[in-house]
C-alpha cells in the first residue's frame, strides 16, 4: 500500500469494505470561510484538548475540517460531535454555508482541469481564502506527511468533549417543545430539528442522528 493510501486508511478518511467511513467532515463555503472555521479548528485543541483535525481546501465546498475517530466510535456519535462543534463555534454562520457529512472521496483529487482539492498545513490555510483549491496536482508524499501528524480522537476523550459541549444549563421547556413536535408532519425535518437543538438532551440528539443515518 502506498504511503498516502496507508495514512488515509489509518485515519478512516476512506470508506471501509462495508462502505462506512468513521471520519466526519465539516465544510464551510463562502467569504471569510477560514476566519470562521479556524475558530473551530483552534477550539477543538485549546478548549477541548483533542487532536487537531485535518484541514483541506475543496473548491466550491470551501474549507474542510476532517475529523478522525477511534474505530470504536460509531458514525452517529461522530456526527453528533461535529454538530455540537458547529453549534459552539459556527452558530452565527448561515446554515446554507455549512455542510456536515461522513468522509467521501478524500483529497487530493482533481475537481476540474487545473483545480485540485488537497490537505493543507495550518499555517498556509489562510492563503487559499480567494481560491480554495490548488492549481497543480499535490505531491502524494507531501500529503502523506501532513496526514502523518494527525491523530484519531479516542472514544473516552470524545465522550468527555461531548459533555463539555452541552449547554451549561438546558432549558427544559424548550427541550419538551422540541420533543413534542409532531413527527408525522415531516419525519426527516423532525429528526433534524431534534439533532440540531442544543437544548435537547445529548442522548436524544444522538438517537435522532442514528435514525437519520438509517433513512434511505
N, C-alpha and C. Protein backbone atom coordinates (compact mmCIF):
# COMPACT_ATOMS: atom_id res chain seq x y z
N UNK A 1 0.85 -1.19 0.00
CA UNK A 1 0.00 0.00 0.00
C UNK A 1 0.89 1.25 0.00
N UNK A 2 0.58 2.20 -0.87
CA UNK A 2 1.34 3.44 -0.91
C UNK A 2 1.17 4.19 0.42
N UNK A 3 2.14 5.04 0.70
CA UNK A 3 2.16 5.73 1.99
C UNK A 3 0.92 6.60 2.18
N UNK A 4 0.52 7.35 1.15
CA UNK A 4 -0.66 8.21 1.26
C UNK A 4 -1.90 7.38 1.53
N UNK A 5 -2.07 6.29 0.78
CA UNK A 5 -3.23 5.43 0.99
C UNK A 5 -3.23 4.85 2.40
N UNK A 6 -2.04 4.52 2.90
CA UNK A 6 -1.93 3.98 4.25
C UNK A 6 -2.37 5.00 5.30
N UNK A 7 -1.97 6.26 5.13
CA UNK A 7 -2.36 7.30 6.08
C UNK A 7 -3.86 7.57 6.01
N UNK A 8 -4.41 7.61 4.81
CA UNK A 8 -5.85 7.84 4.66
C UNK A 8 -6.64 6.72 5.33
N UNK A 9 -6.16 5.49 5.18
CA UNK A 9 -6.83 4.35 5.80
C UNK A 9 -6.71 4.39 7.32
N UNK A 10 -5.53 4.73 7.81
CA UNK A 10 -5.30 4.79 9.27
C UNK A 10 -6.26 5.76 9.94
N UNK A 11 -6.53 6.87 9.29
CA UNK A 11 -7.38 7.91 9.86
C UNK A 11 -8.86 7.70 9.58
N UNK A 12 -9.19 6.68 8.80
CA UNK A 12 -10.59 6.46 8.46
C UNK A 12 -11.12 7.44 7.45
N UNK A 13 -10.23 8.04 6.65
CA UNK A 13 -10.64 9.02 5.65
C UNK A 13 -11.09 8.36 4.35
N UNK A 14 -10.99 7.05 4.26
CA UNK A 14 -11.50 6.31 3.11
C UNK A 14 -12.52 5.29 3.61
N UNK A 15 -13.48 4.98 2.77
CA UNK A 15 -14.56 4.07 3.16
C UNK A 15 -14.02 2.66 3.38
N UNK A 16 -14.60 1.98 4.36
CA UNK A 16 -14.24 0.59 4.63
C UNK A 16 -14.92 -0.32 3.61
N UNK A 17 -14.69 -1.62 3.72
CA UNK A 17 -15.26 -2.57 2.77
C UNK A 17 -16.79 -2.53 2.78
N UNK A 18 -17.38 -2.22 3.93
CA UNK A 18 -18.85 -2.17 4.01
C UNK A 18 -19.40 -0.82 3.58
N UNK A 19 -18.54 0.08 3.11
CA UNK A 19 -19.00 1.39 2.65
C UNK A 19 -19.01 2.46 3.71
N UNK A 20 -18.76 2.08 4.96
CA UNK A 20 -18.78 3.06 6.05
C UNK A 20 -17.45 3.79 6.14
N UNK A 21 -17.51 5.00 6.68
CA UNK A 21 -16.30 5.79 6.90
C UNK A 21 -16.42 6.44 8.26
N UNK A 22 -15.56 6.09 9.22
CA UNK A 22 -15.70 6.64 10.57
C UNK A 22 -15.40 8.12 10.66
N UNK A 23 -14.68 8.66 9.69
CA UNK A 23 -14.35 10.09 9.74
C UNK A 23 -15.58 10.94 9.41
N UNK A 24 -15.55 12.18 9.87
CA UNK A 24 -16.65 13.12 9.61
C UNK A 24 -16.03 14.44 9.16
N UNK A 25 -16.68 15.09 8.20
CA UNK A 25 -16.12 16.29 7.58
C UNK A 25 -17.04 17.48 7.80
N UNK A 26 -16.46 18.57 8.28
CA UNK A 26 -17.17 19.84 8.46
C UNK A 26 -16.68 20.79 7.38
N UNK A 27 -17.59 21.20 6.48
CA UNK A 27 -17.23 22.08 5.37
C UNK A 27 -17.88 23.44 5.54
N UNK A 28 -17.16 24.47 5.13
CA UNK A 28 -17.70 25.83 5.17
C UNK A 28 -17.28 26.56 3.90
N UNK A 29 -18.27 27.04 3.15
CA UNK A 29 -18.01 27.75 1.91
C UNK A 29 -18.34 29.23 2.08
N UNK A 30 -17.92 30.02 1.10
CA UNK A 30 -18.27 31.44 1.11
C UNK A 30 -17.16 32.33 1.63
N UNK A 31 -17.48 33.62 1.68
CA UNK A 31 -16.50 34.62 2.08
C UNK A 31 -16.04 34.42 3.52
N UNK A 32 -14.77 34.70 3.75
CA UNK A 32 -14.17 34.62 5.09
C UNK A 32 -14.39 33.26 5.75
N UNK A 33 -14.43 32.21 4.93
CA UNK A 33 -14.70 30.87 5.47
C UNK A 33 -13.63 30.43 6.47
N UNK A 34 -12.36 30.67 6.14
CA UNK A 34 -11.33 30.20 7.06
C UNK A 34 -11.33 31.00 8.36
N UNK A 35 -11.66 32.28 8.29
CA UNK A 35 -11.74 33.07 9.51
C UNK A 35 -12.70 32.43 10.50
N UNK A 36 -13.84 31.95 9.99
CA UNK A 36 -14.85 31.32 10.85
C UNK A 36 -14.45 29.90 11.24
N UNK A 37 -14.01 29.12 10.25
CA UNK A 37 -13.73 27.71 10.52
C UNK A 37 -12.49 27.53 11.39
N UNK A 38 -11.56 28.47 11.30
CA UNK A 38 -10.35 28.35 12.12
C UNK A 38 -10.68 28.43 13.61
N UNK A 39 -11.79 29.09 13.95
CA UNK A 39 -12.19 29.13 15.37
C UNK A 39 -12.52 27.73 15.87
N UNK A 40 -13.17 26.93 15.02
CA UNK A 40 -13.46 25.55 15.40
C UNK A 40 -12.18 24.72 15.46
N UNK A 41 -11.29 24.92 14.49
CA UNK A 41 -10.03 24.17 14.47
C UNK A 41 -9.22 24.45 15.73
N UNK A 42 -9.15 25.72 16.13
CA UNK A 42 -8.41 26.08 17.34
C UNK A 42 -9.14 25.59 18.59
N UNK A 43 -10.46 25.73 18.61
CA UNK A 43 -11.24 25.37 19.79
C UNK A 43 -11.17 23.89 20.11
N UNK A 44 -11.15 23.05 19.08
CA UNK A 44 -11.03 21.61 19.30
C UNK A 44 -9.80 21.30 20.14
N UNK A 45 -8.73 22.01 19.89
CA UNK A 45 -7.48 21.76 20.60
C UNK A 45 -7.39 22.53 21.92
N UNK A 46 -7.62 23.84 21.86
CA UNK A 46 -7.42 24.68 23.05
C UNK A 46 -8.52 24.50 24.08
N UNK A 47 -9.76 24.41 23.64
CA UNK A 47 -10.89 24.33 24.57
C UNK A 47 -11.21 22.90 24.99
N UNK A 48 -11.05 21.96 24.06
CA UNK A 48 -11.48 20.58 24.32
C UNK A 48 -10.32 19.61 24.51
N UNK A 49 -9.10 20.05 24.23
CA UNK A 49 -7.94 19.19 24.43
C UNK A 49 -7.90 17.97 23.54
N UNK A 50 -8.40 18.11 22.31
CA UNK A 50 -8.46 16.99 21.37
C UNK A 50 -7.43 17.17 20.26
N UNK A 51 -7.10 16.09 19.56
CA UNK A 51 -6.17 16.22 18.42
C UNK A 51 -6.76 17.13 17.34
N UNK A 52 -5.88 17.81 16.63
CA UNK A 52 -6.32 18.70 15.56
C UNK A 52 -6.90 17.91 14.40
N UNK A 53 -7.98 18.40 13.80
CA UNK A 53 -8.48 17.77 12.58
C UNK A 53 -7.63 18.18 11.39
N UNK A 54 -7.72 17.42 10.30
CA UNK A 54 -7.04 17.81 9.08
C UNK A 54 -7.75 18.98 8.43
N UNK A 55 -6.99 19.81 7.75
CA UNK A 55 -7.54 20.97 7.03
C UNK A 55 -7.40 20.70 5.54
N UNK A 56 -8.50 20.91 4.80
CA UNK A 56 -8.46 20.72 3.35
C UNK A 56 -9.11 21.89 2.65
N UNK A 57 -8.66 22.15 1.43
CA UNK A 57 -9.35 23.09 0.54
C UNK A 57 -10.02 22.23 -0.53
N UNK A 58 -11.28 22.56 -0.84
CA UNK A 58 -12.08 21.65 -1.67
C UNK A 58 -12.92 22.37 -2.71
N UNK A 59 -12.38 23.40 -3.33
CA UNK A 59 -13.09 24.07 -4.40
C UNK A 59 -14.36 24.74 -3.93
N UNK A 60 -15.48 24.46 -4.62
CA UNK A 60 -16.75 25.09 -4.28
C UNK A 60 -17.22 24.74 -2.87
N UNK A 61 -16.76 23.61 -2.34
CA UNK A 61 -17.13 23.23 -0.97
C UNK A 61 -16.41 24.07 0.06
N UNK A 62 -15.42 24.85 -0.37
CA UNK A 62 -14.72 25.74 0.55
C UNK A 62 -13.64 25.03 1.35
N UNK A 63 -13.56 25.43 2.61
CA UNK A 63 -12.61 24.81 3.54
C UNK A 63 -13.28 23.63 4.24
N UNK A 64 -12.47 22.65 4.61
CA UNK A 64 -12.99 21.49 5.32
C UNK A 64 -12.10 21.14 6.50
N UNK A 65 -12.75 20.66 7.57
CA UNK A 65 -12.04 20.04 8.69
C UNK A 65 -12.38 18.56 8.66
N UNK A 66 -11.35 17.73 8.60
CA UNK A 66 -11.53 16.28 8.57
C UNK A 66 -11.21 15.72 9.96
N UNK A 67 -12.23 15.16 10.61
CA UNK A 67 -12.09 14.63 11.96
C UNK A 67 -11.92 13.11 11.91
N UNK A 68 -10.85 12.63 12.52
CA UNK A 68 -10.59 11.19 12.59
C UNK A 68 -10.94 10.69 13.99
N UNK A 69 -11.61 9.54 14.05
CA UNK A 69 -12.06 8.99 15.33
C UNK A 69 -11.53 7.57 15.51
N UNK A 70 -11.42 7.16 16.76
CA UNK A 70 -11.10 5.78 17.07
C UNK A 70 -12.13 4.88 16.39
N UNK A 71 -11.72 3.72 15.86
CA UNK A 71 -12.66 2.83 15.16
C UNK A 71 -13.87 2.42 15.99
N UNK A 72 -13.78 2.50 17.31
CA UNK A 72 -14.92 2.11 18.15
C UNK A 72 -16.03 3.15 18.16
N UNK A 73 -15.77 4.35 17.64
CA UNK A 73 -16.76 5.43 17.61
C UNK A 73 -17.68 5.23 16.41
N UNK A 74 -19.00 5.16 16.65
CA UNK A 74 -19.90 4.97 15.52
C UNK A 74 -20.19 6.30 14.82
N UNK A 75 -20.76 6.19 13.61
CA UNK A 75 -20.96 7.37 12.76
C UNK A 75 -21.91 8.38 13.39
N UNK A 76 -22.94 7.89 14.09
CA UNK A 76 -23.91 8.81 14.70
C UNK A 76 -23.26 9.65 15.79
N UNK A 77 -22.42 9.02 16.59
CA UNK A 77 -21.75 9.75 17.67
C UNK A 77 -20.73 10.75 17.09
N UNK A 78 -20.05 10.34 16.04
CA UNK A 78 -19.10 11.25 15.39
C UNK A 78 -19.83 12.47 14.85
N UNK A 79 -20.96 12.24 14.19
CA UNK A 79 -21.72 13.36 13.63
C UNK A 79 -22.27 14.26 14.73
N UNK A 80 -22.74 13.65 15.81
CA UNK A 80 -23.26 14.46 16.92
C UNK A 80 -22.18 15.38 17.47
N UNK A 81 -20.95 14.89 17.52
CA UNK A 81 -19.84 15.72 17.99
C UNK A 81 -19.61 16.90 17.06
N UNK A 82 -19.57 16.64 15.76
CA UNK A 82 -19.31 17.72 14.81
C UNK A 82 -20.48 18.71 14.79
N UNK A 83 -21.70 18.21 14.95
CA UNK A 83 -22.86 19.11 15.05
C UNK A 83 -22.72 20.01 16.28
N UNK A 84 -22.25 19.43 17.37
CA UNK A 84 -22.07 20.22 18.59
C UNK A 84 -20.98 21.28 18.40
N UNK A 85 -19.93 20.92 17.68
CA UNK A 85 -18.89 21.92 17.36
C UNK A 85 -19.47 23.06 16.54
N UNK A 86 -20.30 22.70 15.59
CA UNK A 86 -20.94 23.73 14.77
C UNK A 86 -21.75 24.68 15.65
N UNK A 87 -22.51 24.12 16.58
CA UNK A 87 -23.30 24.96 17.47
C UNK A 87 -22.46 25.86 18.34
N UNK A 88 -21.28 25.39 18.74
CA UNK A 88 -20.40 26.17 19.61
C UNK A 88 -19.65 27.25 18.83
N UNK A 89 -19.10 26.90 17.68
CA UNK A 89 -18.18 27.82 17.00
C UNK A 89 -18.72 28.47 15.73
N UNK A 90 -19.78 27.92 15.16
CA UNK A 90 -20.30 28.46 13.89
C UNK A 90 -21.77 28.84 13.99
N UNK A 91 -22.21 29.14 15.19
CA UNK A 91 -23.64 29.43 15.39
C UNK A 91 -24.11 30.63 14.58
N UNK A 92 -23.23 31.57 14.30
CA UNK A 92 -23.62 32.79 13.59
C UNK A 92 -23.49 32.65 12.07
N UNK A 93 -23.02 31.51 11.60
CA UNK A 93 -22.85 31.31 10.16
C UNK A 93 -24.15 30.78 9.56
N UNK A 94 -24.63 31.34 8.44
CA UNK A 94 -25.86 30.84 7.81
C UNK A 94 -25.76 29.34 7.53
N UNK A 95 -26.80 28.57 7.88
CA UNK A 95 -26.75 27.11 7.71
C UNK A 95 -26.45 26.67 6.28
N UNK A 96 -26.88 27.46 5.29
CA UNK A 96 -26.66 27.07 3.90
C UNK A 96 -25.18 27.00 3.53
N UNK A 97 -24.34 27.65 4.31
CA UNK A 97 -22.90 27.65 4.01
C UNK A 97 -22.17 26.47 4.66
N UNK A 98 -22.85 25.77 5.54
CA UNK A 98 -22.19 24.71 6.32
C UNK A 98 -22.69 23.34 5.87
N UNK A 99 -21.78 22.39 5.81
CA UNK A 99 -22.17 21.02 5.49
C UNK A 99 -21.40 20.07 6.40
N UNK A 100 -22.13 19.10 6.94
CA UNK A 100 -21.52 18.06 7.77
C UNK A 100 -21.86 16.73 7.13
N UNK A 101 -20.86 15.91 6.88
CA UNK A 101 -21.10 14.64 6.19
C UNK A 101 -20.02 13.64 6.53
N UNK A 102 -20.34 12.34 6.38
CA UNK A 102 -19.28 11.34 6.52
C UNK A 102 -18.21 11.57 5.45
N UNK A 103 -17.02 11.08 5.70
CA UNK A 103 -15.94 11.25 4.73
C UNK A 103 -16.33 10.62 3.40
N UNK A 104 -16.20 11.41 2.34
CA UNK A 104 -16.42 10.89 1.00
C UNK A 104 -15.07 10.60 0.36
N UNK A 105 -14.94 10.92 -0.92
CA UNK A 105 -13.65 10.73 -1.58
C UNK A 105 -12.68 11.79 -1.07
N UNK A 106 -11.60 11.38 -0.45
CA UNK A 106 -10.71 12.37 0.20
C UNK A 106 -9.79 13.06 -0.79
N UNK A 107 -9.25 14.21 -0.41
CA UNK A 107 -8.18 14.82 -1.19
C UNK A 107 -6.95 13.90 -1.15
N UNK A 108 -6.05 14.08 -2.11
CA UNK A 108 -6.13 15.02 -3.23
C UNK A 108 -6.90 14.40 -4.39
N UNK A 109 -7.70 15.20 -5.06
CA UNK A 109 -8.38 14.76 -6.28
C UNK A 109 -8.64 15.97 -7.17
N UNK A 110 -8.77 15.71 -8.46
CA UNK A 110 -8.96 16.79 -9.42
C UNK A 110 -10.43 17.15 -9.48
N UNK A 111 -10.75 18.39 -9.15
CA UNK A 111 -12.14 18.87 -9.13
C UNK A 111 -12.57 19.34 -10.51
N UNK A 112 -11.64 19.91 -11.25
CA UNK A 112 -11.84 20.42 -12.60
C UNK A 112 -10.43 20.59 -13.18
N UNK A 113 -10.32 20.77 -14.49
CA UNK A 113 -8.97 20.95 -15.04
C UNK A 113 -8.20 22.07 -14.34
N UNK A 114 -7.06 21.73 -13.78
CA UNK A 114 -6.24 22.73 -13.10
C UNK A 114 -6.73 23.11 -11.72
N UNK A 115 -7.65 22.32 -11.17
CA UNK A 115 -8.15 22.61 -9.81
C UNK A 115 -8.16 21.32 -8.99
N UNK A 116 -7.37 21.31 -7.93
CA UNK A 116 -7.23 20.12 -7.10
C UNK A 116 -7.62 20.43 -5.66
N UNK A 117 -8.33 19.48 -5.06
CA UNK A 117 -8.51 19.55 -3.61
C UNK A 117 -7.25 19.01 -2.97
N UNK A 118 -6.99 19.43 -1.74
CA UNK A 118 -5.76 18.99 -1.07
C UNK A 118 -5.84 19.28 0.42
N UNK A 119 -5.14 18.46 1.19
CA UNK A 119 -4.92 18.79 2.59
C UNK A 119 -3.82 19.85 2.65
N UNK A 120 -3.98 20.81 3.55
CA UNK A 120 -3.01 21.91 3.64
C UNK A 120 -2.53 22.07 5.08
N UNK A 121 -1.35 22.63 5.22
CA UNK A 121 -0.80 22.89 6.55
C UNK A 121 -1.54 24.05 7.21
N UNK A 122 -1.69 24.02 8.53
CA UNK A 122 -2.42 25.09 9.23
C UNK A 122 -1.90 26.49 8.93
N UNK A 123 -0.58 26.64 8.84
CA UNK A 123 -0.03 27.98 8.63
C UNK A 123 -0.19 28.48 7.20
N UNK A 124 -0.66 27.61 6.30
CA UNK A 124 -0.89 28.00 4.91
C UNK A 124 -2.37 28.13 4.57
N UNK A 125 -3.24 27.71 5.47
CA UNK A 125 -4.67 27.65 5.16
C UNK A 125 -5.23 29.00 4.72
N UNK A 126 -4.83 30.07 5.37
CA UNK A 126 -5.38 31.39 5.06
C UNK A 126 -5.02 31.86 3.66
N UNK A 127 -4.00 31.29 3.05
CA UNK A 127 -3.56 31.72 1.73
C UNK A 127 -4.56 31.34 0.64
N UNK A 128 -5.50 30.44 0.95
CA UNK A 128 -6.45 29.97 -0.05
C UNK A 128 -7.82 30.64 0.09
N UNK A 129 -7.86 31.76 0.76
CA UNK A 129 -9.14 32.43 1.02
C UNK A 129 -9.86 32.82 -0.26
N UNK A 130 -9.13 33.23 -1.28
CA UNK A 130 -9.75 33.65 -2.54
C UNK A 130 -10.05 32.47 -3.46
N UNK A 131 -9.18 31.49 -3.47
CA UNK A 131 -9.34 30.32 -4.34
C UNK A 131 -9.06 29.08 -3.52
N UNK A 132 -10.14 28.37 -3.16
CA UNK A 132 -9.99 27.23 -2.26
C UNK A 132 -9.67 25.95 -3.04
N UNK A 133 -8.57 25.99 -3.75
CA UNK A 133 -8.08 24.83 -4.47
C UNK A 133 -6.61 25.06 -4.80
N UNK A 134 -5.96 24.00 -5.25
CA UNK A 134 -4.56 24.07 -5.68
C UNK A 134 -4.53 23.85 -7.19
N UNK A 135 -3.72 24.63 -7.90
CA UNK A 135 -3.76 24.54 -9.36
C UNK A 135 -2.82 23.49 -9.95
N UNK A 136 -2.05 22.81 -9.11
CA UNK A 136 -1.20 21.72 -9.55
C UNK A 136 -1.48 20.49 -8.70
N UNK A 137 -1.31 19.32 -9.27
CA UNK A 137 -1.54 18.10 -8.50
C UNK A 137 -0.60 18.04 -7.30
N UNK A 138 -1.16 17.89 -6.09
CA UNK A 138 -0.30 17.86 -4.90
C UNK A 138 0.59 16.62 -4.88
N UNK A 139 1.74 16.77 -4.28
CA UNK A 139 2.64 15.63 -4.11
C UNK A 139 2.05 14.65 -3.11
N UNK A 140 2.01 13.38 -3.47
CA UNK A 140 1.47 12.37 -2.56
C UNK A 140 2.31 12.27 -1.29
N UNK A 141 3.61 12.41 -1.42
CA UNK A 141 4.47 12.35 -0.23
C UNK A 141 4.19 13.52 0.70
N UNK A 142 3.99 14.71 0.13
CA UNK A 142 3.69 15.88 0.96
C UNK A 142 2.35 15.72 1.66
N UNK A 143 1.36 15.17 0.94
CA UNK A 143 0.06 14.93 1.55
C UNK A 143 0.18 13.90 2.67
N UNK A 144 0.94 12.86 2.43
CA UNK A 144 1.14 11.83 3.46
C UNK A 144 1.83 12.41 4.69
N UNK A 145 2.80 13.31 4.47
CA UNK A 145 3.48 13.95 5.60
C UNK A 145 2.50 14.72 6.47
N UNK A 146 1.60 15.48 5.83
CA UNK A 146 0.59 16.23 6.59
C UNK A 146 -0.29 15.30 7.40
N UNK A 147 -0.75 14.23 6.76
CA UNK A 147 -1.66 13.31 7.44
C UNK A 147 -0.97 12.54 8.55
N UNK A 148 0.33 12.31 8.42
CA UNK A 148 1.04 11.53 9.44
C UNK A 148 1.06 12.24 10.79
N UNK A 149 0.81 13.54 10.79
CA UNK A 149 0.81 14.31 12.05
C UNK A 149 -0.54 14.28 12.75
N UNK A 150 -1.56 13.76 12.07
CA UNK A 150 -2.91 13.74 12.65
C UNK A 150 -3.10 12.49 13.51
N UNK A 151 -3.96 12.62 14.50
CA UNK A 151 -4.27 11.50 15.38
C UNK A 151 -5.79 11.33 15.48
N UNK A 152 -6.21 10.10 15.67
CA UNK A 152 -7.64 9.84 15.85
C UNK A 152 -8.08 10.28 17.25
N UNK A 153 -9.30 10.74 17.37
CA UNK A 153 -9.85 11.13 18.66
C UNK A 153 -10.25 9.88 19.43
N UNK A 154 -9.67 9.62 20.60
CA UNK A 154 -10.04 8.43 21.38
C UNK A 154 -11.49 8.51 21.85
N UNK A 155 -12.13 7.35 21.99
CA UNK A 155 -13.54 7.31 22.37
C UNK A 155 -13.78 7.99 23.72
N UNK A 156 -12.90 7.76 24.69
CA UNK A 156 -13.09 8.36 26.02
C UNK A 156 -12.98 9.88 25.96
N UNK A 157 -12.04 10.38 25.18
CA UNK A 157 -11.90 11.84 25.05
C UNK A 157 -13.08 12.43 24.32
N UNK A 158 -13.62 11.69 23.35
CA UNK A 158 -14.80 12.17 22.64
C UNK A 158 -15.99 12.28 23.59
N UNK A 159 -16.17 11.28 24.45
CA UNK A 159 -17.27 11.32 25.41
C UNK A 159 -17.15 12.53 26.33
N UNK A 160 -15.93 12.79 26.78
CA UNK A 160 -15.71 13.97 27.64
C UNK A 160 -16.02 15.26 26.90
N UNK A 161 -15.56 15.35 25.65
CA UNK A 161 -15.80 16.56 24.87
C UNK A 161 -17.28 16.78 24.62
N UNK A 162 -18.01 15.71 24.36
CA UNK A 162 -19.45 15.84 24.14
C UNK A 162 -20.14 16.41 25.37
N UNK A 163 -19.70 15.98 26.54
CA UNK A 163 -20.26 16.53 27.77
C UNK A 163 -19.94 18.01 27.90
N UNK A 164 -18.72 18.38 27.57
CA UNK A 164 -18.31 19.79 27.68
C UNK A 164 -19.03 20.68 26.68
N UNK A 165 -19.44 20.10 25.56
CA UNK A 165 -20.11 20.88 24.53
C UNK A 165 -21.60 21.06 24.79
N UNK A 166 -22.13 20.36 25.79
CA UNK A 166 -23.54 20.54 26.11
C UNK A 166 -23.75 21.94 26.69
N UNK A 167 -24.95 22.50 26.49
CA UNK A 167 -25.25 23.81 27.08
C UNK A 167 -25.04 23.77 28.59
N UNK A 168 -24.60 24.88 29.14
CA UNK A 168 -24.34 24.96 30.58
C UNK A 168 -25.60 24.64 31.36
N UNK A 169 -26.72 25.14 30.90
CA UNK A 169 -27.99 24.89 31.58
C UNK A 169 -29.04 24.66 30.53
N UNK A 170 -29.50 23.42 30.40
CA UNK A 170 -30.52 23.12 29.41
C UNK A 170 -31.84 23.77 29.81
N UNK A 171 -32.61 24.11 28.81
CA UNK A 171 -33.92 24.72 29.05
C UNK A 171 -34.99 23.64 28.90
N UNK A 172 -35.53 23.11 30.01
CA UNK A 172 -36.49 22.01 29.93
C UNK A 172 -37.69 22.32 29.05
N UNK A 173 -38.19 23.54 29.14
CA UNK A 173 -39.37 23.88 28.36
C UNK A 173 -39.07 23.79 26.87
N UNK A 174 -37.88 24.27 26.47
CA UNK A 174 -37.51 24.21 25.06
C UNK A 174 -37.30 22.77 24.63
N UNK A 175 -36.67 21.99 25.48
CA UNK A 175 -36.45 20.59 25.15
C UNK A 175 -37.76 19.86 24.97
N UNK A 176 -38.71 20.12 25.88
CA UNK A 176 -40.01 19.47 25.78
C UNK A 176 -40.72 19.87 24.51
N UNK A 177 -40.58 21.14 24.15
CA UNK A 177 -41.23 21.62 22.94
C UNK A 177 -40.65 20.93 21.72
N UNK A 178 -39.31 20.72 21.71
CA UNK A 178 -38.68 20.07 20.57
C UNK A 178 -39.16 18.63 20.43
N UNK A 179 -39.21 17.93 21.56
CA UNK A 179 -39.62 16.54 21.52
C UNK A 179 -41.10 16.41 21.21
N UNK A 180 -41.88 17.44 21.58
CA UNK A 180 -43.32 17.36 21.39
C UNK A 180 -43.76 17.66 19.97
N UNK A 181 -42.84 18.09 19.08
CA UNK A 181 -43.23 18.36 17.71
C UNK A 181 -43.80 17.11 17.07
N UNK A 182 -44.73 17.29 16.17
CA UNK A 182 -45.40 16.17 15.54
C UNK A 182 -44.51 15.59 14.44
N UNK A 183 -43.96 14.38 14.61
CA UNK A 183 -43.07 13.82 13.61
C UNK A 183 -43.78 13.43 12.32
N UNK A 184 -45.13 13.28 12.37
CA UNK A 184 -45.86 12.87 11.18
C UNK A 184 -45.86 13.95 10.11
N UNK A 185 -45.62 15.21 10.51
CA UNK A 185 -45.63 16.29 9.54
C UNK A 185 -44.48 16.14 8.55
N UNK A 186 -43.31 15.83 9.00
CA UNK A 186 -42.13 15.62 8.17
C UNK A 186 -41.09 14.92 9.03
N UNK A 187 -41.02 13.58 8.97
CA UNK A 187 -40.13 12.84 9.88
C UNK A 187 -38.68 13.29 9.80
N UNK A 188 -38.17 13.53 8.58
CA UNK A 188 -36.77 13.92 8.46
C UNK A 188 -36.53 15.29 9.09
N UNK A 189 -37.46 16.24 8.83
CA UNK A 189 -37.31 17.58 9.41
C UNK A 189 -37.37 17.51 10.93
N UNK A 190 -38.25 16.64 11.43
CA UNK A 190 -38.37 16.47 12.89
C UNK A 190 -37.05 15.97 13.48
N UNK A 191 -36.47 14.93 12.86
CA UNK A 191 -35.22 14.37 13.37
C UNK A 191 -34.09 15.39 13.30
N UNK A 192 -34.04 16.15 12.21
CA UNK A 192 -33.01 17.19 12.08
C UNK A 192 -33.16 18.26 13.15
N UNK A 193 -34.43 18.64 13.43
CA UNK A 193 -34.65 19.68 14.43
C UNK A 193 -34.23 19.21 15.82
N UNK A 194 -34.48 17.94 16.13
CA UNK A 194 -34.06 17.39 17.42
C UNK A 194 -32.54 17.32 17.50
N UNK A 195 -31.90 16.84 16.42
CA UNK A 195 -30.45 16.68 16.42
C UNK A 195 -29.73 18.01 16.55
N UNK A 196 -30.30 19.06 15.96
CA UNK A 196 -29.62 20.37 15.94
C UNK A 196 -30.03 21.28 17.10
N UNK A 197 -30.96 20.82 17.93
CA UNK A 197 -31.44 21.66 19.04
C UNK A 197 -30.55 21.46 20.26
N UNK A 198 -29.75 22.46 20.56
CA UNK A 198 -28.80 22.35 21.68
C UNK A 198 -29.48 22.17 23.02
N UNK A 199 -30.78 22.50 23.11
CA UNK A 199 -31.48 22.39 24.38
C UNK A 199 -31.98 20.96 24.64
N UNK A 200 -31.96 20.12 23.61
CA UNK A 200 -32.41 18.73 23.76
C UNK A 200 -31.28 17.91 24.37
N UNK A 201 -31.59 17.01 25.31
CA UNK A 201 -30.54 16.18 25.91
C UNK A 201 -29.71 15.46 24.85
N UNK A 202 -28.41 15.33 25.12
CA UNK A 202 -27.49 14.77 24.14
C UNK A 202 -27.90 13.37 23.70
N UNK A 203 -28.39 12.55 24.62
CA UNK A 203 -28.77 11.18 24.26
C UNK A 203 -29.84 11.16 23.18
N UNK A 204 -30.82 12.08 23.29
CA UNK A 204 -31.88 12.15 22.29
C UNK A 204 -31.33 12.64 20.96
N UNK A 205 -30.37 13.57 20.99
CA UNK A 205 -29.80 14.08 19.74
C UNK A 205 -29.02 12.98 19.02
N UNK A 206 -28.33 12.15 19.79
CA UNK A 206 -27.58 11.04 19.18
C UNK A 206 -28.55 10.03 18.57
N UNK A 207 -29.66 9.73 19.26
CA UNK A 207 -30.65 8.81 18.71
C UNK A 207 -31.25 9.36 17.43
N UNK A 208 -31.49 10.68 17.38
CA UNK A 208 -32.01 11.29 16.16
C UNK A 208 -31.01 11.15 15.02
N UNK A 209 -29.72 11.34 15.33
CA UNK A 209 -28.68 11.19 14.30
C UNK A 209 -28.64 9.76 13.78
N UNK A 210 -28.78 8.78 14.67
CA UNK A 210 -28.80 7.38 14.25
C UNK A 210 -29.99 7.10 13.34
N UNK A 211 -31.15 7.65 13.70
CA UNK A 211 -32.35 7.45 12.87
C UNK A 211 -32.17 8.06 11.49
N UNK A 212 -31.53 9.22 11.42
CA UNK A 212 -31.28 9.85 10.11
C UNK A 212 -30.35 8.99 9.26
N UNK A 213 -29.35 8.40 9.88
CA UNK A 213 -28.42 7.56 9.13
C UNK A 213 -29.10 6.32 8.57
N UNK A 214 -30.17 5.87 9.24
CA UNK A 214 -30.88 4.67 8.77
C UNK A 214 -31.85 4.98 7.64
N UNK A 215 -32.18 6.27 7.46
CA UNK A 215 -33.13 6.63 6.42
C UNK A 215 -32.50 6.46 5.04
N UNK A 216 -33.31 6.08 4.03
CA UNK A 216 -32.76 5.91 2.68
C UNK A 216 -32.35 7.25 2.09
